[in-house]
């Protein structure tokens, strides 16, 4: 049945095509740039306002967001609102900002997240050519994945504050980053300001979270609960199995010894195995909350 085969092939191409959110209040830009994106086999979702863009962000998968900075009359930097929403809702999306204004400190301050490219519409290079140049660069860039570690900062029964830093710097971080899987590994840092918001952002953006539940630290369990509510792919580690609640022992977990050579070798081997498993079979590390909600 050639008709059904054609529909299947079209649907497959659509699902494989990179998805782009194009936000601009100028119809000619949405038409011209959007048309050229579709000619190059991008799946394009156009929006003329912040509200339209937010609806798309919540309902569609987005690989790239091309966003005009000054999108409305109420705010000089309405596009920044959309970029922040894209990056927090879909952390792996790349953001390209279009603007008639050069990037300065005032504009940078409007972004609560990192932007991937900034293009001036009135620059020497045609902005459409500049957009496609940036898209190609971003598509060729080797994807770096983020691993965020939640663990105690201050002294607990098992470790002093200095020893917790040693566990992270000498064991966890090098294990993840030398696994050959393109992960960068960080932990939360003591800081001033909105600490909770920073941690929530890190928990949301990380591709993998490693949670050390040794001594059942309350902050660690709070952050673990947040992670289970919003994302999959969390690995539990602990220095004693009794620190892992029974209900969580069904999840990827490793009981480790960080003081002996054999223990460190076993840790490196097991964490690499779990990272490979998560990369290849995302369903193997689905959070119990999201599994219950069928997300």
C-alpha atoms as a PDB file:
ATOM      1  CA  UNK A   1       0.000   0.000   0.000  1.00  0.00           C
ATOM      2  CA  UNK A   2       2.147   2.918  -1.278  1.00  0.00           C
ATOM      3  CA  UNK A   3      -0.106   5.527   0.322  1.00  0.00           C
ATOM      4  CA  UNK A   4       0.440   4.171   3.830  1.00  0.00           C
ATOM      5  CA  UNK A   5       4.159   3.707   3.183  1.00  0.00           C
ATOM      6  CA  UNK A   6       4.438   7.358   2.094  1.00  0.00           C
ATOM      7  CA  UNK A   7       2.605   8.511   5.237  1.00  0.00           C
ATOM      8  CA  UNK A   8       4.894   6.402   7.418  1.00  0.00           C
ATOM      9  CA  UNK A   9       8.014   7.771   5.734  1.00  0.00           C
ATOM     10  CA  UNK A  10       6.768  11.364   6.132  1.00  0.00           C
ATOM     11  CA  UNK A  11       5.954  10.760   9.785  1.00  0.00           C
ATOM     12  CA  UNK A  12       9.383   9.206  10.351  1.00  0.00           C
ATOM     13  CA  UNK A  13      11.147  12.155   8.684  1.00  0.00           C
ATOM     14  CA  UNK A  14       9.106  14.547  10.833  1.00  0.00           C
ATOM     15  CA  UNK A  15      10.071  12.744  14.022  1.00  0.00           C
ATOM     16  CA  UNK A  16      13.769  12.725  13.040  1.00  0.00           C
ATOM     17  CA  UNK A  17      13.864  16.355  11.901  1.00  0.00           C
ATOM     18  CA  UNK A  18      15.369  18.883  14.334  1.00  0.00           C
ATOM     19  CA  UNK A  19      12.575  20.888  15.943  1.00  0.00           C
ATOM     20  CA  UNK A  20      12.861  24.686  16.022  1.00  0.00           C
ATOM     21  CA  UNK A  21      10.895  27.287  17.938  1.00  0.00           C
ATOM     22  CA  UNK A  22      11.000  30.552  15.968  1.00  0.00           C
ATOM     23  CA  UNK A  23       9.793  33.537  17.973  1.00  0.00           C
ATOM     24  CA  UNK A  24       9.637  36.945  16.302  1.00  0.00           C
ATOM     25  CA  UNK A  25       6.944  39.614  16.246  1.00  0.00           C
ATOM     26  CA  UNK A  26       7.831  40.524  12.650  1.00  0.00           C
ATOM     27  CA  UNK A  27       5.759  38.455  10.237  1.00  0.00           C
ATOM     28  CA  UNK A  28       8.267  38.757   7.396  1.00  0.00           C
ATOM     29  CA  UNK A  29      11.007  37.232   9.567  1.00  0.00           C
ATOM     30  CA  UNK A  30       8.784  34.361  10.646  1.00  0.00           C
ATOM     31  CA  UNK A  31       7.849  33.796   6.988  1.00  0.00           C
ATOM     32  CA  UNK A  32      11.318  34.158   5.420  1.00  0.00           C
ATOM     33  CA  UNK A  33      13.448  32.480   8.074  1.00  0.00           C
ATOM     34  CA  UNK A  34      10.770  29.893   8.872  1.00  0.00           C
ATOM     35  CA  UNK A  35      10.422  29.004   5.192  1.00  0.00           C
ATOM     36  CA  UNK A  36      14.139  28.534   4.744  1.00  0.00           C
ATOM     37  CA  UNK A  37      14.324  26.381   7.856  1.00  0.00           C
ATOM     38  CA  UNK A  38      11.580  24.135   6.495  1.00  0.00           C
ATOM     39  CA  UNK A  39      13.385  23.971   3.136  1.00  0.00           C
ATOM     40  CA  UNK A  40      16.347  22.526   5.057  1.00  0.00           C
ATOM     41  CA  UNK A  41      14.159  19.902   6.735  1.00  0.00           C
ATOM     42  CA  UNK A  42      13.702  21.560  10.114  1.00  0.00           C
ATOM     43  CA  UNK A  43      10.364  21.122  11.873  1.00  0.00           C
ATOM     44  CA  UNK A  44       9.388  24.743  12.609  1.00  0.00           C
ATOM     45  CA  UNK A  45       7.011  26.072  15.275  1.00  0.00           C
ATOM     46  CA  UNK A  46       6.480  29.816  14.837  1.00  0.00           C
ATOM     47  CA  UNK A  47       5.258  32.236  17.504  1.00  0.00           C
ATOM     48  CA  UNK A  48       4.583  35.963  17.429  1.00  0.00           C
ATOM     49  CA  UNK A  49       4.299  36.527  21.185  1.00  0.00           C
ATOM     50  CA  UNK A  50       5.677  35.322  24.501  1.00  0.00           C
ATOM     51  CA  UNK A  51       2.419  33.530  25.350  1.00  0.00           C
ATOM     52  CA  UNK A  52       2.380  31.657  22.027  1.00  0.00           C
ATOM     53  CA  UNK A  53       6.003  30.624  22.548  1.00  0.00           C
ATOM     54  CA  UNK A  54       5.336  29.354  26.074  1.00  0.00           C
ATOM     55  CA  UNK A  55       2.471  27.161  24.831  1.00  0.00           C
ATOM     56  CA  UNK A  56       4.791  25.606  22.254  1.00  0.00           C
ATOM     57  CA  UNK A  57       7.530  25.031  24.844  1.00  0.00           C
ATOM     58  CA  UNK A  58       5.084  23.139  27.059  1.00  0.00           C
ATOM     59  CA  UNK A  59       3.562  21.063  24.265  1.00  0.00           C
ATOM     60  CA  UNK A  60       6.371  20.353  21.776  1.00  0.00           C
ATOM     61  CA  UNK A  61       9.891  18.958  21.863  1.00  0.00           C
ATOM     62  CA  UNK A  62      12.381  21.724  21.051  1.00  0.00           C
ATOM     63  CA  UNK A  63      15.944  21.197  19.795  1.00  0.00           C
ATOM     64  CA  UNK A  64      16.655  24.832  18.924  1.00  0.00           C
ATOM     65  CA  UNK A  65      15.011  28.093  19.924  1.00  0.00           C
ATOM     66  CA  UNK A  66      15.579  31.114  17.665  1.00  0.00           C
ATOM     67  CA  UNK A  67      14.259  34.045  19.650  1.00  0.00           C
ATOM     68  CA  UNK A  68      13.988  37.771  18.942  1.00  0.00           C
ATOM     69  CA  UNK A  69      15.212  39.650  22.014  1.00  0.00           C
ATOM     70  CA  UNK A  70      12.789  42.609  21.954  1.00  0.00           C
ATOM     71  CA  UNK A  71       9.551  40.789  21.327  1.00  0.00           C
ATOM     72  CA  UNK A  72       6.861  42.975  22.876  1.00  0.00           C
ATOM     73  CA  UNK A  73       5.950  46.527  23.826  1.00  0.00           C
ATOM     74  CA  UNK A  74       5.742  45.793  27.550  1.00  0.00           C
ATOM     75  CA  UNK A  75       9.349  44.700  27.926  1.00  0.00           C
ATOM     76  CA  UNK A  76      12.550  45.591  26.105  1.00  0.00           C
ATOM     77  CA  UNK A  77      13.824  42.062  26.728  1.00  0.00           C
ATOM     78  CA  UNK A  78      10.774  39.826  26.353  1.00  0.00           C
ATOM     79  CA  UNK A  79      12.770  37.277  24.389  1.00  0.00           C
ATOM     80  CA  UNK A  80      14.921  36.624  27.457  1.00  0.00           C
ATOM     81  CA  UNK A  81      11.803  35.404  29.275  1.00  0.00           C
ATOM     82  CA  UNK A  82      11.271  32.807  26.552  1.00  0.00           C
ATOM     83  CA  UNK A  83      14.915  31.702  26.468  1.00  0.00           C
ATOM     84  CA  UNK A  84      14.868  31.213  30.237  1.00  0.00           C
ATOM     85  CA  UNK A  85      11.659  29.170  29.915  1.00  0.00           C
ATOM     86  CA  UNK A  86      13.066  27.014  27.109  1.00  0.00           C
ATOM     87  CA  UNK A  87      16.280  26.208  28.947  1.00  0.00           C
ATOM     88  CA  UNK A  88      14.531  25.355  32.189  1.00  0.00           C
ATOM     89  CA  UNK A  89      11.716  23.332  30.624  1.00  0.00           C
ATOM     90  CA  UNK A  90      13.840  21.582  27.985  1.00  0.00           C
ATOM     91  CA  UNK A  91      17.433  21.758  29.275  1.00  0.00           C
ATOM     92  CA  UNK A  92      19.059  20.205  26.197  1.00  0.00           C
ATOM     93  CA  UNK A  93      17.604  22.792  23.789  1.00  0.00           C
ATOM     94  CA  UNK A  94      20.020  25.286  22.232  1.00  0.00           C
ATOM     95  CA  UNK A  95      19.107  28.995  22.193  1.00  0.00           C
ATOM     96  CA  UNK A  96      20.000  31.478  19.456  1.00  0.00           C
ATOM     97  CA  UNK A  97      19.066  35.088  20.221  1.00  0.00           C
ATOM     98  CA  UNK A  98      18.343  37.625  17.465  1.00  0.00           C
ATOM     99  CA  UNK A  99      18.643  41.313  18.237  1.00  0.00           C
ATOM    100  CA  UNK A 100      19.182  44.693  16.617  1.00  0.00           C
ATOM    101  CA  UNK A 101      21.284  45.587  19.664  1.00  0.00           C
ATOM    102  CA  UNK A 102      24.848  44.522  20.532  1.00  0.00           C
ATOM    103  CA  UNK A 103      25.226  42.176  23.473  1.00  0.00           C
ATOM    104  CA  UNK A 104      26.153  44.188  26.550  1.00  0.00           C
ATOM    105  CA  UNK A 105      26.110  43.744  30.334  1.00  0.00           C
ATOM    106  CA  UNK A 106      22.519  44.975  30.661  1.00  0.00           C
ATOM    107  CA  UNK A 107      21.263  42.416  28.146  1.00  0.00           C
ATOM    108  CA  UNK A 108      23.378  39.594  29.618  1.00  0.00           C
ATOM    109  CA  UNK A 109      21.832  40.283  33.015  1.00  0.00           C
ATOM    110  CA  UNK A 110      18.366  39.460  31.630  1.00  0.00           C
ATOM    111  CA  UNK A 111      19.307  35.846  30.951  1.00  0.00           C
ATOM    112  CA  UNK A 112      19.166  33.484  33.912  1.00  0.00           C
ATOM    113  CA  UNK A 113      20.611  30.681  31.776  1.00  0.00           C
ATOM    114  CA  UNK A 114      23.393  30.319  29.233  1.00  0.00           C
ATOM    115  CA  UNK A 115      22.621  31.257  25.633  1.00  0.00           C
ATOM    116  CA  UNK A 116      24.355  29.402  22.820  1.00  0.00           C
ATOM    117  CA  UNK A 117      24.573  32.167  20.206  1.00  0.00           C
ATOM    118  CA  UNK A 118      23.773  35.874  19.839  1.00  0.00           C
ATOM    119  CA  UNK A 119      23.208  37.337  16.361  1.00  0.00           C
ATOM    120  CA  UNK A 120      22.796  41.015  15.532  1.00  0.00           C
ATOM    121  CA  UNK A 121      20.183  41.536  12.829  1.00  0.00           C
ATOM    122  CA  UNK A 122      21.975  44.590  11.535  1.00  0.00           C
ATOM    123  CA  UNK A 123      25.419  43.020  11.492  1.00  0.00           C
ATOM    124  CA  UNK A 124      27.693  42.737   8.484  1.00  0.00           C
ATOM    125  CA  UNK A 125      26.534  39.169   7.822  1.00  0.00           C
ATOM    126  CA  UNK A 126      22.987  38.565   6.629  1.00  0.00           C
ATOM    127  CA  UNK A 127      21.102  37.387   9.723  1.00  0.00           C
ATOM    128  CA  UNK A 128      19.561  34.377   7.952  1.00  0.00           C
ATOM    129  CA  UNK A 129      23.000  33.188   6.824  1.00  0.00           C
ATOM    130  CA  UNK A 130      24.280  33.814  10.342  1.00  0.00           C
ATOM    131  CA  UNK A 131      21.467  31.720  11.847  1.00  0.00           C
ATOM    132  CA  UNK A 132      22.230  28.766   9.594  1.00  0.00           C
ATOM    133  CA  UNK A 133      25.929  29.083  10.334  1.00  0.00           C
ATOM    134  CA  UNK A 134      25.245  28.919  14.074  1.00  0.00           C
ATOM    135  CA  UNK A 135      22.810  26.019  13.641  1.00  0.00           C
ATOM    136  CA  UNK A 136      25.462  24.012  11.813  1.00  0.00           C
ATOM    137  CA  UNK A 137      28.044  24.777  14.496  1.00  0.00           C
ATOM    138  CA  UNK A 138      25.672  23.732  17.258  1.00  0.00           C
ATOM    139  CA  UNK A 139      24.670  20.540  15.484  1.00  0.00           C
ATOM    140  CA  UNK A 140      28.300  19.533  14.926  1.00  0.00           C
ATOM    141  CA  UNK A 141      29.389  20.377  18.453  1.00  0.00           C
ATOM    142  CA  UNK A 142      30.053  17.235  20.453  1.00  0.00           C
ATOM    143  CA  UNK A 143      27.277  17.044  23.018  1.00  0.00           C
ATOM    144  CA  UNK A 144      28.513  17.418  26.565  1.00  0.00           C
ATOM    145  CA  UNK A 145      26.390  15.794  29.217  1.00  0.00           C
ATOM    146  CA  UNK A 146      25.969  17.043  32.761  1.00  0.00           C
ATOM    147  CA  UNK A 147      26.266  14.961  35.914  1.00  0.00           C
ATOM    148  CA  UNK A 148      25.224  16.727  39.111  1.00  0.00           C
ATOM    149  CA  UNK A 149      26.235  15.273  42.486  1.00  0.00           C
ATOM    150  CA  UNK A 150      24.191  15.795  45.636  1.00  0.00           C
ATOM    151  CA  UNK A 151      26.028  14.960  48.844  1.00  0.00           C
ATOM    152  CA  UNK A 152      26.638  16.473  52.288  1.00  0.00           C
ATOM    153  CA  UNK A 153      28.803  19.578  52.681  1.00  0.00           C
ATOM    154  CA  UNK A 154      29.271  19.707  56.408  1.00  0.00           C
ATOM    155  CA  UNK A 155      30.486  16.969  58.726  1.00  0.00           C
ATOM    156  CA  UNK A 156      28.315  13.895  59.253  1.00  0.00           C
ATOM    157  CA  UNK A 157      28.819  10.712  61.231  1.00  0.00           C
ATOM    158  CA  UNK A 158      30.926   9.116  58.504  1.00  0.00           C
ATOM    159  CA  UNK A 159      32.945  12.010  57.079  1.00  0.00           C
ATOM    160  CA  UNK A 160      34.214  15.456  57.970  1.00  0.00           C
ATOM    161  CA  UNK A 161      33.525  18.380  55.644  1.00  0.00           C
ATOM    162  CA  UNK A 162      37.055  18.037  54.257  1.00  0.00           C
ATOM    163  CA  UNK A 163      36.556  14.313  53.627  1.00  0.00           C
ATOM    164  CA  UNK A 164      33.316  14.946  51.739  1.00  0.00           C
ATOM    165  CA  UNK A 165      35.210  17.319  49.478  1.00  0.00           C
ATOM    166  CA  UNK A 166      37.863  14.652  49.011  1.00  0.00           C
ATOM    167  CA  UNK A 167      35.260  12.013  48.112  1.00  0.00           C
ATOM    168  CA  UNK A 168      33.930  14.310  45.405  1.00  0.00           C
ATOM    169  CA  UNK A 169      37.199  15.654  44.014  1.00  0.00           C
ATOM    170  CA  UNK A 170      39.292  12.499  44.226  1.00  0.00           C
ATOM    171  CA  UNK A 171      36.703   9.809  43.507  1.00  0.00           C
ATOM    172  CA  UNK A 172      33.304  10.817  42.112  1.00  0.00           C
ATOM    173  CA  UNK A 173      34.272  13.631  39.726  1.00  0.00           C
ATOM    174  CA  UNK A 174      37.242  11.871  38.038  1.00  0.00           C
ATOM    175  CA  UNK A 175      35.269   8.624  37.813  1.00  0.00           C
ATOM    176  CA  UNK A 176      32.465  10.315  35.874  1.00  0.00           C
ATOM    177  CA  UNK A 177      34.624  12.549  33.688  1.00  0.00           C
ATOM    178  CA  UNK A 178      37.120   9.807  32.772  1.00  0.00           C
ATOM    179  CA  UNK A 179      34.444   7.255  31.889  1.00  0.00           C
ATOM    180  CA  UNK A 180      34.731   8.211  28.209  1.00  0.00           C
ATOM    181  CA  UNK A 181      31.052   9.188  27.963  1.00  0.00           C
ATOM    182  CA  UNK A 182      31.384  12.996  27.586  1.00  0.00           C
ATOM    183  CA  UNK A 183      30.129  13.878  31.061  1.00  0.00           C
ATOM    184  CA  UNK A 184      31.105  16.977  33.028  1.00  0.00           C
ATOM    185  CA  UNK A 185      30.613  16.446  36.755  1.00  0.00           C
ATOM    186  CA  UNK A 186      29.816  19.138  39.311  1.00  0.00           C
ATOM    187  CA  UNK A 187      28.342  19.405  42.784  1.00  0.00           C
ATOM    188  CA  UNK A 188      26.391  22.249  44.323  1.00  0.00           C
ATOM    189  CA  UNK A 189      28.516  24.963  45.892  1.00  0.00           C
ATOM    190  CA  UNK A 190      27.846  27.014  49.022  1.00  0.00           C
ATOM    191  CA  UNK A 191      26.815  30.481  47.805  1.00  0.00           C
ATOM    192  CA  UNK A 192      24.849  33.576  48.634  1.00  0.00           C
ATOM    193  CA  UNK A 193      21.530  34.443  47.020  1.00  0.00           C
ATOM    194  CA  UNK A 194      18.732  32.118  45.994  1.00  0.00           C
ATOM    195  CA  UNK A 195      20.420  28.813  46.835  1.00  0.00           C
ATOM    196  CA  UNK A 196      17.266  26.720  46.370  1.00  0.00           C
ATOM    197  CA  UNK A 197      16.651  28.102  42.883  1.00  0.00           C
ATOM    198  CA  UNK A 198      20.244  27.360  41.848  1.00  0.00           C
ATOM    199  CA  UNK A 199      19.982  23.788  43.089  1.00  0.00           C
ATOM    200  CA  UNK A 200      16.611  23.259  41.423  1.00  0.00           C
ATOM    201  CA  UNK A 201      18.074  24.527  38.164  1.00  0.00           C
ATOM    202  CA  UNK A 202      21.023  22.133  38.418  1.00  0.00           C
ATOM    203  CA  UNK A 203      18.748  19.192  39.269  1.00  0.00           C
ATOM    204  CA  UNK A 204      16.572  19.981  36.263  1.00  0.00           C
ATOM    205  CA  UNK A 205      19.382  20.487  33.746  1.00  0.00           C
ATOM    206  CA  UNK A 206      21.525  17.487  34.677  1.00  0.00           C
ATOM    207  CA  UNK A 207      21.418  14.447  32.401  1.00  0.00           C
ATOM    208  CA  UNK A 208      22.370  12.270  35.365  1.00  0.00           C
ATOM    209  CA  UNK A 209      22.317  12.900  39.106  1.00  0.00           C
ATOM    210  CA  UNK A 210      24.416  10.955  41.588  1.00  0.00           C
ATOM    211  CA  UNK A 211      22.989  11.126  45.105  1.00  0.00           C
ATOM    212  CA  UNK A 212      25.129  10.092  48.061  1.00  0.00           C
ATOM    213  CA  UNK A 213      22.684   9.138  50.818  1.00  0.00           C
ATOM    214  CA  UNK A 214      25.345   8.202  53.350  1.00  0.00           C
ATOM    215  CA  UNK A 215      24.149   9.117  56.866  1.00  0.00           C
ATOM    216  CA  UNK A 216      20.704  10.006  55.442  1.00  0.00           C
ATOM    217  CA  UNK A 217      21.403  13.718  55.197  1.00  0.00           C
ATOM    218  CA  UNK A 218      18.064  15.648  55.049  1.00  0.00           C
ATOM    219  CA  UNK A 219      19.237  18.056  52.340  1.00  0.00           C
ATOM    220  CA  UNK A 220      20.322  15.171  50.130  1.00  0.00           C
ATOM    221  CA  UNK A 221      16.957  13.456  50.493  1.00  0.00           C
ATOM    222  CA  UNK A 222      15.121  16.704  49.738  1.00  0.00           C
ATOM    223  CA  UNK A 223      17.117  17.174  46.530  1.00  0.00           C
ATOM    224  CA  UNK A 224      16.691  13.498  45.632  1.00  0.00           C
ATOM    225  CA  UNK A 225      12.911  13.862  45.979  1.00  0.00           C
ATOM    226  CA  UNK A 226      12.939  16.920  43.737  1.00  0.00           C
ATOM    227  CA  UNK A 227      14.985  15.080  41.121  1.00  0.00           C
ATOM    228  CA  UNK A 228      12.612  12.112  41.155  1.00  0.00           C
ATOM    229  CA  UNK A 229       9.700  14.480  40.598  1.00  0.00           C
ATOM    230  CA  UNK A 230      11.159  16.257  37.560  1.00  0.00           C
ATOM    231  CA  UNK A 231      13.693  13.995  35.809  1.00  0.00           C
ATOM    232  CA  UNK A 232      14.849  10.411  35.382  1.00  0.00           C
ATOM    233  CA  UNK A 233      18.389   8.997  35.514  1.00  0.00           C
ATOM    234  CA  UNK A 234      19.478   9.140  39.140  1.00  0.00           C
ATOM    235  CA  UNK A 235      22.154   6.901  40.656  1.00  0.00           C
ATOM    236  CA  UNK A 236      22.236   6.272  44.397  1.00  0.00           C
ATOM    237  CA  UNK A 237      25.505   5.700  46.212  1.00  0.00           C
ATOM    238  CA  UNK A 238      26.198   5.151  49.901  1.00  0.00           C
ATOM    239  CA  UNK A 239      28.971   3.974  52.158  1.00  0.00           C
ATOM    240  CA  UNK A 240      26.557   1.561  53.917  1.00  0.00           C
ATOM    241  CA  UNK A 241      23.568  -0.276  52.491  1.00  0.00           C
ATOM    242  CA  UNK A 242      21.513   0.502  55.611  1.00  0.00           C
ATOM    243  CA  UNK A 243      21.633   4.197  54.629  1.00  0.00           C
ATOM    244  CA  UNK A 244      19.613   3.399  51.490  1.00  0.00           C
ATOM    245  CA  UNK A 245      15.899   3.143  52.385  1.00  0.00           C
ATOM    246  CA  UNK A 246      14.391  -0.195  51.408  1.00  0.00           C
ATOM    247  CA  UNK A 247      11.986   1.436  48.940  1.00  0.00           C
ATOM    248  CA  UNK A 248      14.927   2.926  47.026  1.00  0.00           C
ATOM    249  CA  UNK A 249      17.109  -0.167  46.851  1.00  0.00           C
ATOM    250  CA  UNK A 250      15.377  -1.186  43.603  1.00  0.00           C
ATOM    251  CA  UNK A 251      17.055   1.777  41.870  1.00  0.00           C
ATOM    252  CA  UNK A 252      20.618   1.846  40.492  1.00  0.00           C
ATOM    253  CA  UNK A 253      22.711   1.900  43.665  1.00  0.00           C
ATOM    254  CA  UNK A 254      26.318   1.253  44.610  1.00  0.00           C
ATOM    255  CA  UNK A 255      27.668   0.796  48.122  1.00  0.00           C
ATOM    256  CA  UNK A 256      31.218   2.120  48.003  1.00  0.00           C
ATOM    257  CA  UNK A 257      34.453   2.185  49.953  1.00  0.00           C
ATOM    258  CA  UNK A 258      36.488   5.298  49.200  1.00  0.00           C
ATOM    259  CA  UNK A 259      39.468   4.553  51.450  1.00  0.00           C
ATOM    260  CA  UNK A 260      40.956   1.440  49.803  1.00  0.00           C
ATOM    261  CA  UNK A 261      42.408   0.882  46.344  1.00  0.00           C
ATOM    262  CA  UNK A 262      40.076  -2.050  45.753  1.00  0.00           C
ATOM    263  CA  UNK A 263      37.071  -0.002  46.825  1.00  0.00           C
ATOM    264  CA  UNK A 264      37.981   2.863  44.502  1.00  0.00           C
ATOM    265  CA  UNK A 265      38.496   0.466  41.602  1.00  0.00           C
ATOM    266  CA  UNK A 266      35.100  -1.148  42.229  1.00  0.00           C
ATOM    267  CA  UNK A 267      33.461   2.296  42.400  1.00  0.00           C
ATOM    268  CA  UNK A 268      34.945   3.399  39.076  1.00  0.00           C
ATOM    269  CA  UNK A 269      33.859   0.195  37.385  1.00  0.00           C
ATOM    270  CA  UNK A 270      30.305   0.202  38.758  1.00  0.00           C
ATOM    271  CA  UNK A 271      29.590   3.883  38.088  1.00  0.00           C
ATOM    272  CA  UNK A 272      30.817   3.548  34.513  1.00  0.00           C
ATOM    273  CA  UNK A 273      28.550   0.505  34.046  1.00  0.00           C
ATOM    274  CA  UNK A 274      25.559   2.460  35.362  1.00  0.00           C
ATOM    275  CA  UNK A 275      26.309   5.496  33.176  1.00  0.00           C
ATOM    276  CA  UNK A 276      26.524   3.284  30.099  1.00  0.00           C
ATOM    277  CA  UNK A 277      23.267   1.585  31.065  1.00  0.00           C
ATOM    278  CA  UNK A 278      21.526   4.943  31.473  1.00  0.00           C
ATOM    279  CA  UNK A 279      22.885   6.209  28.141  1.00  0.00           C
ATOM    280  CA  UNK A 280      21.718   3.114  26.279  1.00  0.00           C
ATOM    281  CA  UNK A 281      18.476   2.345  28.123  1.00  0.00           C
ATOM    282  CA  UNK A 282      16.929   5.475  29.615  1.00  0.00           C
ATOM    283  CA  UNK A 283      13.984   3.453  30.890  1.00  0.00           C
ATOM    284  CA  UNK A 284      16.329   1.504  33.145  1.00  0.00           C
ATOM    285  CA  UNK A 285      16.715   4.556  35.397  1.00  0.00           C
ATOM    286  CA  UNK A 286      13.213   5.985  35.351  1.00  0.00           C
ATOM    287  CA  UNK A 287      12.282   7.766  38.557  1.00  0.00           C
ATOM    288  CA  UNK A 288       9.611   6.019  40.674  1.00  0.00           C
ATOM    289  CA  UNK A 289       7.538   9.222  40.695  1.00  0.00           C
ATOM    290  CA  UNK A 290       7.571   9.687  36.921  1.00  0.00           C
ATOM    291  CA  UNK A 291       6.976   5.975  36.398  1.00  0.00           C
ATOM    292  CA  UNK A 292       3.886   6.155  38.618  1.00  0.00           C
ATOM    293  CA  UNK A 293       2.641   9.226  36.725  1.00  0.00           C
ATOM    294  CA  UNK A 294       3.434   7.498  33.393  1.00  0.00           C
ATOM    295  CA  UNK A 295       5.571  10.434  32.229  1.00  0.00           C
END
